[in-house]
Amino acid sequence: MNTTRTYAVLGKRMAAGDRRGFTLIEVMMAMVILAGVVLAMGMSTTTLSRSVRNSDVRNRAQSVADMQIGRARAWPSYATLSQLAREKYNGTSDGLTSATIVSVDTTAGQNVTMVTVSVSAVQSTLMPIPVSRTITIAAP
């Protein structure tokens, strides 16, 4: 007596051991792997977008510092260069805060002015380390 069962699949008769397809465990494992890949891609996209945003903030801060240094180089009178540290020329814009320090060194008979510009982000998480530029200007 033959005890093997046969199934009709697409008009063909097949034995029980010859069935084709995926088991429930195989489908669930494939879904777990796919979910892991999608999650990893989502996390890398989030990290990349955060990196691009931080890079943009840093580039804007460098531009603000370079503009202030350019203003110091083009300042019309060396004697009034200390006015560059006023709030009028520094402040907050686009989430960035700039500060200019003008220090005059008259030791050893020399008249040298150092201008230091420091630009930081209002939200320190965007740019934890401020951008700083320094220029030294000697009296004419």
C-alpha atoms as a PDB file:
ATOM      1  CA  MET A   1       0.000   0.000   0.000  1.00  0.00           C
ATOM      2  CA  ASN A   2       1.377   3.398  -1.014  1.00  0.00           C
ATOM      3  CA  THR A   3       1.158   5.917   1.889  1.00  0.00           C
ATOM      4  CA  THR A   4       2.794   8.942   0.233  1.00  0.00           C
ATOM      5  CA  ARG A   5       0.472  11.807  -0.359  1.00  0.00           C
ATOM      6  CA  THR A   6       0.385  13.610  -3.640  1.00  0.00           C
ATOM      7  CA  TYR A   7      -0.619  17.190  -4.291  1.00  0.00           C
ATOM      8  CA  ALA A   8      -1.791  18.830  -7.464  1.00  0.00           C
ATOM      9  CA  VAL A   9       0.154  21.989  -8.203  1.00  0.00           C
ATOM     10  CA  LEU A  10      -0.553  23.747 -11.469  1.00  0.00           C
ATOM     11  CA  GLY A  11      -1.932  20.567 -12.936  1.00  0.00           C
ATOM     12  CA  LYS A  12       1.093  18.467 -11.961  1.00  0.00           C
ATOM     13  CA  ARG A  13       1.087  15.790  -9.351  1.00  0.00           C
ATOM     14  CA  MET A  14       3.899  16.055  -6.791  1.00  0.00           C
ATOM     15  CA  ALA A  15       4.857  14.014  -3.761  1.00  0.00           C
ATOM     16  CA  ALA A  16       4.748  15.725  -0.343  1.00  0.00           C
ATOM     17  CA  GLY A  17       8.547  15.961  -0.131  1.00  0.00           C
ATOM     18  CA  ASP A  18       8.818  17.595  -3.552  1.00  0.00           C
ATOM     19  CA  ARG A  19       6.814  20.750  -2.730  1.00  0.00           C
ATOM     20  CA  ARG A  20       8.484  23.996  -3.668  1.00  0.00           C
ATOM     21  CA  GLY A  21       8.247  27.368  -1.891  1.00  0.00           C
ATOM     22  CA  PHE A  22       9.323  29.043   1.327  1.00  0.00           C
ATOM     23  CA  THR A  23       8.437  28.042   4.827  1.00  0.00           C
ATOM     24  CA  LEU A  24       7.086  30.575   7.309  1.00  0.00           C
ATOM     25  CA  ILE A  25      10.418  30.625   9.166  1.00  0.00           C
ATOM     26  CA  GLU A  26      12.335  31.407   5.965  1.00  0.00           C
ATOM     27  CA  VAL A  27       9.973  34.274   5.125  1.00  0.00           C
ATOM     28  CA  MET A  28      10.225  35.700   8.650  1.00  0.00           C
ATOM     29  CA  MET A  29      14.043  35.489   8.620  1.00  0.00           C
ATOM     30  CA  ALA A  30      14.110  37.301   5.272  1.00  0.00           C
ATOM     31  CA  MET A  31      11.871  40.021   6.727  1.00  0.00           C
ATOM     32  CA  VAL A  32      14.137  40.412   9.774  1.00  0.00           C
ATOM     33  CA  ILE A  33      17.208  40.770   7.543  1.00  0.00           C
ATOM     34  CA  LEU A  34      15.401  43.278   5.312  1.00  0.00           C
ATOM     35  CA  ALA A  35      14.268  45.285   8.346  1.00  0.00           C
ATOM     36  CA  GLY A  36      17.855  45.374   9.638  1.00  0.00           C
ATOM     37  CA  VAL A  37      19.166  46.638   6.307  1.00  0.00           C
ATOM     38  CA  VAL A  38      16.467  49.335   6.072  1.00  0.00           C
ATOM     39  CA  LEU A  39      17.140  50.422   9.670  1.00  0.00           C
ATOM     40  CA  ALA A  40      20.898  50.659   9.003  1.00  0.00           C
ATOM     41  CA  MET A  41      20.278  52.729   5.883  1.00  0.00           C
ATOM     42  CA  GLY A  42      17.976  55.054   7.802  1.00  0.00           C
ATOM     43  CA  MET A  43      20.535  55.555  10.559  1.00  0.00           C
ATOM     44  CA  SER A  44      23.324  56.298   8.087  1.00  0.00           C
ATOM     45  CA  THR A  45      21.115  58.801   6.270  1.00  0.00           C
ATOM     46  CA  THR A  46      20.372  60.571   9.551  1.00  0.00           C
ATOM     47  CA  THR A  47      24.065  60.674  10.446  1.00  0.00           C
ATOM     48  CA  LEU A  48      24.958  62.005   7.006  1.00  0.00           C
ATOM     49  CA  SER A  49      22.340  64.768   7.124  1.00  0.00           C
ATOM     50  CA  ARG A  50      23.546  65.829  10.598  1.00  0.00           C
ATOM     51  CA  SER A  51      27.120  65.934   9.322  1.00  0.00           C
ATOM     52  CA  VAL A  52      26.122  68.074   6.329  1.00  0.00           C
ATOM     53  CA  ARG A  53      24.199  70.476   8.598  1.00  0.00           C
ATOM     54  CA  ASN A  54      27.170  70.833  10.983  1.00  0.00           C
ATOM     55  CA  SER A  55      29.512  71.374   8.044  1.00  0.00           C
ATOM     56  CA  ASP A  56      27.244  74.115   6.715  1.00  0.00           C
ATOM     57  CA  VAL A  57      27.226  75.893  10.084  1.00  0.00           C
ATOM     58  CA  ARG A  58      31.021  75.656  10.311  1.00  0.00           C
ATOM     59  CA  ASN A  59      31.462  77.051   6.780  1.00  0.00           C
ATOM     60  CA  ARG A  60      29.174  79.989   7.559  1.00  0.00           C
ATOM     61  CA  ALA A  61      31.114  80.656  10.791  1.00  0.00           C
ATOM     62  CA  GLN A  62      34.407  80.663   8.902  1.00  0.00           C
ATOM     63  CA  SER A  63      32.930  83.089   6.401  1.00  0.00           C
ATOM     64  CA  VAL A  64      31.773  85.459   9.166  1.00  0.00           C
ATOM     65  CA  ALA A  65      35.221  85.343  10.800  1.00  0.00           C
ATOM     66  CA  ASP A  66      36.973  85.967   7.483  1.00  0.00           C
ATOM     67  CA  MET A  67      34.680  88.935   6.762  1.00  0.00           C
ATOM     68  CA  GLN A  68      35.508  90.491  10.128  1.00  0.00           C
ATOM     69  CA  ILE A  69      39.243  89.953   9.544  1.00  0.00           C
ATOM     70  CA  GLY A  70      38.825  91.585   6.123  1.00  0.00           C
ATOM     71  CA  ARG A  71      37.098  94.520   7.811  1.00  0.00           C
ATOM     72  CA  ALA A  72      40.095  94.848  10.167  1.00  0.00           C
ATOM     73  CA  ARG A  73      42.534  94.832   7.250  1.00  0.00           C
ATOM     74  CA  ALA A  74      40.552  97.535   5.453  1.00  0.00           C
ATOM     75  CA  TRP A  75      39.971  99.658   8.560  1.00  0.00           C
ATOM     76  CA  PRO A  76      40.602 103.278   7.580  1.00  0.00           C
ATOM     77  CA  SER A  77      42.515 104.415  10.666  1.00  0.00           C
ATOM     78  CA  TYR A  78      44.930 102.388  12.740  1.00  0.00           C
ATOM     79  CA  ALA A  79      44.303 104.614  15.766  1.00  0.00           C
ATOM     80  CA  THR A  80      40.588 103.738  15.852  1.00  0.00           C
ATOM     81  CA  LEU A  81      40.944 100.014  15.198  1.00  0.00           C
ATOM     82  CA  SER A  82      39.758  99.246  18.726  1.00  0.00           C
ATOM     83  CA  GLN A  83      36.237 100.313  17.654  1.00  0.00           C
ATOM     84  CA  LEU A  84      36.033  97.031  15.732  1.00  0.00           C
ATOM     85  CA  ALA A  85      35.231  95.284  19.014  1.00  0.00           C
ATOM     86  CA  ARG A  86      31.942  97.199  19.414  1.00  0.00           C
ATOM     87  CA  GLU A  87      28.558  95.501  19.207  1.00  0.00           C
ATOM     88  CA  LYS A  88      27.919  97.400  15.969  1.00  0.00           C
ATOM     89  CA  TYR A  89      30.424  95.169  14.171  1.00  0.00           C
ATOM     90  CA  ASN A  90      29.724  92.005  16.154  1.00  0.00           C
ATOM     91  CA  GLY A  91      26.534  90.297  17.072  1.00  0.00           C
ATOM     92  CA  THR A  92      24.223  87.426  16.337  1.00  0.00           C
ATOM     93  CA  SER A  93      23.005  86.528  12.879  1.00  0.00           C
ATOM     94  CA  ASP A  94      21.828  83.261  11.334  1.00  0.00           C
ATOM     95  CA  GLY A  95      22.407  81.399  14.603  1.00  0.00           C
ATOM     96  CA  LEU A  96      26.026  82.569  14.890  1.00  0.00           C
ATOM     97  CA  THR A  97      27.546  84.884  17.477  1.00  0.00           C
ATOM     98  CA  SER A  98      30.759  86.745  16.741  1.00  0.00           C
ATOM     99  CA  ALA A  99      33.118  88.510  19.127  1.00  0.00           C
ATOM    100  CA  THR A 100      36.161  90.562  18.241  1.00  0.00           C
ATOM    101  CA  ILE A 101      39.019  91.240  20.640  1.00  0.00           C
ATOM    102  CA  VAL A 102      41.425  94.041  19.770  1.00  0.00           C
ATOM    103  CA  SER A 103      44.588  94.148  21.873  1.00  0.00           C
ATOM    104  CA  VAL A 104      47.358  96.686  21.440  1.00  0.00           C
ATOM    105  CA  ASP A 105      50.918  95.784  22.420  1.00  0.00           C
ATOM    106  CA  THR A 106      53.252  98.738  22.886  1.00  0.00           C
ATOM    107  CA  THR A 107      56.072  96.924  24.660  1.00  0.00           C
ATOM    108  CA  ALA A 108      59.638  97.264  23.462  1.00  0.00           C
ATOM    109  CA  GLY A 109      58.836 100.477  21.596  1.00  0.00           C
ATOM    110  CA  GLN A 110      56.618  98.726  19.051  1.00  0.00           C
ATOM    111  CA  ASN A 111      52.973  99.444  18.332  1.00  0.00           C
ATOM    112  CA  VAL A 112      51.374  96.151  17.301  1.00  0.00           C
ATOM    113  CA  THR A 113      47.672  95.368  17.338  1.00  0.00           C
ATOM    114  CA  MET A 114      46.271  91.858  17.389  1.00  0.00           C
ATOM    115  CA  VAL A 115      42.705  91.353  16.224  1.00  0.00           C
ATOM    116  CA  THR A 116      41.090  88.033  17.185  1.00  0.00           C
ATOM    117  CA  VAL A 117      37.659  87.096  15.880  1.00  0.00           C
ATOM    118  CA  SER A 118      35.799  84.203  17.471  1.00  0.00           C
ATOM    119  CA  VAL A 119      32.546  82.894  15.978  1.00  0.00           C
ATOM    120  CA  SER A 120      30.409  80.351  17.790  1.00  0.00           C
ATOM    121  CA  ALA A 121      26.997  78.850  17.186  1.00  0.00           C
ATOM    122  CA  VAL A 122      24.059  79.819  19.379  1.00  0.00           C
ATOM    123  CA  GLN A 123      23.324  76.080  19.709  1.00  0.00           C
ATOM    124  CA  SER A 124      26.607  74.561  20.828  1.00  0.00           C
ATOM    125  CA  THR A 125      25.533  71.134  19.540  1.00  0.00           C
ATOM    126  CA  LEU A 126      25.836  72.416  15.969  1.00  0.00           C
ATOM    127  CA  MET A 127      29.414  73.601  16.414  1.00  0.00           C
ATOM    128  CA  PRO A 128      31.028  72.635  19.737  1.00  0.00           C
ATOM    129  CA  ILE A 129      34.357  74.332  18.945  1.00  0.00           C
ATOM    130  CA  PRO A 130      34.193  78.007  17.896  1.00  0.00           C
ATOM    131  CA  VAL A 131      35.950  79.228  14.758  1.00  0.00           C
ATOM    132  CA  SER A 132      38.753  81.667  15.553  1.00  0.00           C
ATOM    133  CA  ARG A 133      40.867  83.881  13.286  1.00  0.00           C
ATOM    134  CA  THR A 134      43.709  86.172  14.352  1.00  0.00           C
ATOM    135  CA  ILE A 135      45.564  88.890  12.492  1.00  0.00           C
ATOM    136  CA  THR A 136      48.474  91.046  13.620  1.00  0.00           C
ATOM    137  CA  ILE A 137      48.667  94.624  12.349  1.00  0.00           C
ATOM    138  CA  ALA A 138      51.663  96.866  12.976  1.00  0.00           C
ATOM    139  CA  ALA A 139      51.402 100.634  13.204  1.00  0.00           C
ATOM    140  CA  PRO A 140      52.286 102.419   9.972  1.00  0.00           C
END
